[in-house]
């Protein structure tokens, strides 16, 4: 079950659901020539892997079940979450992209944390 659905079942207000979704998005999503890195603590994201030090504001606009609408800077995304995968469409772009959440390896173990 995704965080948005859990928040909805618990009757959490949308602001809490949006905050929980930002926490779920935390990290790196990669696939189909698209990469998104999210730093939810700073409420920023990067969608330009060729410019790793340029971060933009992350704004979660809507969460409804497994669907999330968010902006990274001026670019709008609509994502459908399925566990550790997210299918996104990007405003002004044709088609959709399937991204997989990449978990960093722990420094002390050879397993994701």
Protein backbone atom coordinates (compact mmCIF):
# COMPACT_ATOMS: atom_id res chain seq x y z
CA UNK A 1 0.00 0.00 0.00
CA UNK A 2 1.35 3.43 -0.84
CA UNK A 3 1.65 6.28 1.64
CA UNK A 4 -1.05 8.42 0.01
CA UNK A 5 -3.60 5.61 0.24
CA UNK A 6 -2.63 4.97 3.84
CA UNK A 7 -3.01 8.68 4.65
CA UNK A 8 -6.39 8.73 2.97
CA UNK A 9 -7.55 5.62 4.90
CA UNK A 10 -6.42 7.21 8.16
CA UNK A 11 -8.35 10.36 7.33
CA UNK A 12 -5.25 12.56 7.30
CA UNK A 13 -5.74 16.03 5.84
CA UNK A 14 -4.22 16.62 2.37
CA UNK A 15 -1.30 18.64 3.79
CA UNK A 16 -0.19 15.62 5.84
CA UNK A 17 -0.68 13.32 2.84
CA UNK A 18 1.42 15.68 0.69
CA UNK A 19 4.17 15.73 3.32
CA UNK A 20 4.13 11.92 3.56
CA UNK A 21 4.30 11.66 -0.23
CA UNK A 22 7.34 13.98 -0.29
CA UNK A 23 8.97 11.62 2.22
CA UNK A 24 8.12 8.63 0.03
CA UNK A 25 9.58 10.39 -3.04
CA UNK A 26 12.86 11.04 -1.19
CA UNK A 27 15.81 9.65 -3.07
CA UNK A 28 16.65 8.88 -6.67
CA UNK A 29 14.26 7.69 -9.40
CA UNK A 30 15.82 6.47 -12.66
CA UNK A 31 14.64 5.06 -15.97
CA UNK A 32 13.80 5.65 -19.63
CA UNK A 33 16.29 8.52 -19.98
CA UNK A 34 14.76 10.43 -17.04
CA UNK A 35 16.27 10.86 -13.59
CA UNK A 36 14.69 12.64 -10.64
CA UNK A 37 16.45 13.22 -7.31
CA UNK A 38 14.34 14.42 -4.38
CA UNK A 39 15.57 16.01 -1.15
CA UNK A 40 12.35 16.24 0.82
CA UNK A 41 14.03 17.88 3.83
CA UNK A 42 14.98 20.85 1.66
CA UNK A 43 11.76 20.49 -0.39
CA UNK A 44 13.89 20.50 -3.54
CA UNK A 45 14.43 18.20 -6.48
CA UNK A 46 16.72 17.83 -9.47
CA UNK A 47 15.54 16.53 -12.83
CA UNK A 48 18.71 17.41 -14.76
CA UNK A 49 21.40 14.78 -14.09
CA UNK A 50 23.80 16.76 -16.27
CA UNK A 51 23.46 19.66 -13.78
CA UNK A 52 23.79 17.87 -10.41
CA UNK A 53 24.16 21.04 -8.35
CA UNK A 54 21.10 22.83 -9.73
CA UNK A 55 18.12 22.08 -7.51
CA UNK A 56 14.60 23.49 -7.93
CA UNK A 57 11.62 23.81 -5.64
CA UNK A 58 9.54 20.65 -5.19
CA UNK A 59 5.83 21.34 -4.90
CA UNK A 60 3.37 18.47 -4.40
CA UNK A 61 0.09 19.76 -5.83
CA UNK A 62 -2.22 16.78 -5.48
CA UNK A 63 -2.23 13.25 -4.11
CA UNK A 64 -5.11 10.93 -4.90
CA UNK A 65 -4.66 7.22 -4.22
CA UNK A 66 -1.57 6.14 -6.15
CA UNK A 67 -1.51 9.30 -8.31
CA UNK A 68 0.65 12.32 -7.52
CA UNK A 69 0.88 15.66 -9.32
CA UNK A 70 4.03 17.64 -8.56
CA UNK A 71 6.20 20.41 -9.93
CA UNK A 72 9.97 20.53 -10.01
CA UNK A 73 10.67 24.18 -10.67
CA UNK A 74 8.47 25.12 -13.62
CA UNK A 75 8.10 21.56 -14.91
CA UNK A 76 4.87 19.65 -14.10
CA UNK A 77 4.83 15.88 -13.52
CA UNK A 78 1.95 13.44 -13.09
CA UNK A 79 3.06 10.18 -11.52
CA UNK A 80 1.35 6.85 -10.97
CA UNK A 81 3.01 4.88 -8.19
CA UNK A 82 3.25 1.11 -8.10
CA UNK A 83 5.46 0.11 -5.19
CA UNK A 84 9.03 1.14 -6.04
CA UNK A 85 8.07 2.14 -9.60
CA UNK A 86 6.59 5.39 -10.82
CA UNK A 87 5.22 6.02 -14.30
CA UNK A 88 5.43 9.74 -15.03
CA UNK A 89 4.22 12.04 -17.74
CA UNK A 90 5.84 15.42 -18.08
CA UNK A 91 3.94 18.51 -19.23
CA UNK A 92 4.92 19.40 -22.78
CA UNK A 93 6.38 15.96 -23.47
CA UNK A 94 4.82 13.10 -25.37
CA UNK A 95 4.64 9.66 -23.85
CA UNK A 96 5.36 8.44 -20.37
CA UNK A 97 8.45 7.24 -18.52
CA UNK A 98 8.80 4.34 -16.08
CA UNK A 99 11.14 5.16 -13.21
CA UNK A 100 12.46 2.86 -10.51
CA UNK A 101 13.44 4.04 -7.06
CA UNK A 102 17.16 3.45 -6.47
CA UNK A 103 18.18 2.86 -2.87
CA UNK A 104 21.71 3.85 -1.85
CA UNK A 105 23.96 1.18 -0.40
CA UNK A 106 24.84 1.41 3.24
CA UNK A 107 28.48 2.25 3.97
CA UNK A 108 28.64 -0.63 6.44
CA UNK A 109 26.72 -3.36 4.62
CA UNK A 110 26.42 -4.40 1.04
CA UNK A 111 22.66 -4.07 1.23
CA UNK A 112 20.33 -1.14 0.65
CA UNK A 113 19.11 0.71 3.71
